[in-house]
Protein backbone atom coordinates (compact mmCIF):
# COMPACT_ATOMS: atom_id res chain seq x y z
CA MET A 1 116.28 110.99 101.48
CA TYR A 2 115.15 114.23 103.04
CA ASP A 3 117.39 116.55 105.00
CA ALA A 4 115.80 118.90 107.53
CA GLU A 5 116.84 121.96 109.09
CA GLY A 6 115.60 122.16 112.85
CA SER A 7 114.82 125.27 114.61
CA PHE A 8 113.25 126.37 117.90
CA ASP A 9 110.31 128.45 116.50
CA GLU A 10 108.37 128.27 119.76
CA GLU A 11 105.38 126.82 117.73
CA PRO A 12 102.83 125.46 120.40
CA CYS A 13 102.46 121.75 120.62
CA PRO A 14 98.92 120.58 119.68
CA ARG A 15 98.83 117.94 122.37
CA CYS A 16 100.22 119.72 125.50
CA GLY A 17 100.44 123.52 124.32
CA ALA A 18 104.14 123.76 125.25
CA THR A 19 106.42 125.96 123.24
CA THR A 20 109.48 123.82 123.82
CA THR A 21 109.20 122.43 120.24
CA VAL A 22 111.53 121.91 117.36
CA THR A 23 110.26 122.52 113.92
CA TYR A 24 112.03 120.65 111.10
CA HIS A 25 111.89 122.60 107.76
CA TYR A 26 112.63 120.59 104.70
CA ARG A 27 113.82 121.92 101.35
CA GLU A 28 111.04 120.00 99.70
CA GLY A 29 108.46 122.59 101.03
CA PHE A 30 106.97 120.87 104.23
CA SER A 31 107.71 120.88 107.99
CA GLU A 32 107.39 118.47 110.96
CA LEU A 33 106.93 119.43 114.67
CA GLU A 34 108.54 117.57 117.70
CA CYS A 35 107.69 118.47 121.17
CA LEU A 36 110.43 118.05 123.77
CA ALA A 37 107.96 118.26 126.70
CA CYS A 38 105.44 115.54 125.77
CA ALA A 39 107.45 113.66 122.85
CA PHE A 40 104.63 114.53 120.31
CA ARG A 41 105.78 114.07 116.76
CA SER A 42 103.67 115.29 113.80
CA ASP A 43 104.87 112.39 111.66
CA TRP A 44 103.85 109.58 114.15
CA GLU A 45 101.32 108.14 111.67
CA GLU A 46 103.89 107.75 108.89
CA VAL A 47 106.54 106.24 111.23
CA SER A 48 103.90 103.88 112.68
CA ALA A 49 102.90 102.61 109.32
CA LEU A 50 106.67 101.80 108.47
CA GLN A 51 107.10 100.00 111.65
CA ARG A 52 103.92 97.83 110.96
CA TYR A 53 105.30 96.90 107.49
CA HIS A 54 107.65 93.83 108.15
CA GLY A 55 108.85 93.64 104.51
CA ASP A 56 107.91 89.93 104.42
CA LEU A 57 107.73 88.56 100.81
CA LEU A 58 104.50 86.38 100.59
CA GLU A 59 104.83 83.95 97.86
CA HIS A 60 101.70 82.52 95.96
CA ARG A 61 101.70 79.67 93.46
CA CYS A 62 100.42 81.73 90.56
CA GLY A 63 102.71 84.69 91.41
CA LYS A 64 99.78 87.12 91.78
CA ASP A 65 98.71 89.45 94.59
CA LEU A 66 102.12 89.80 95.95
CA PRO A 67 102.53 92.78 98.41
CA VAL A 68 105.56 94.02 96.53
CA PRO A 69 106.30 93.95 92.92
CA VAL A 70 109.15 91.44 92.35
CA LYS A 71 111.43 90.99 89.20
CA LYS A 72 113.31 87.80 88.65
CA LEU A 73 117.06 88.06 88.66
CA LYS A 74 119.34 86.28 86.29
CA ALA A 75 122.81 85.28 87.43
């Protein structure tokens, strides 16, 4: 889990050019930008990919080609 510190650095938005943006600085060394004027987010591709993944476990008879590695549980 990442913890960010947001600040108003007045960095221009790449979509609309507004400086009403929030820059989130992460301790891990990267940053993300969010525009308050047009709702642009620099991490929209990553969030979109997470929303597309339903997490459904598809079972196959031979147990191969599963989208997620699965371990059997013993009770």
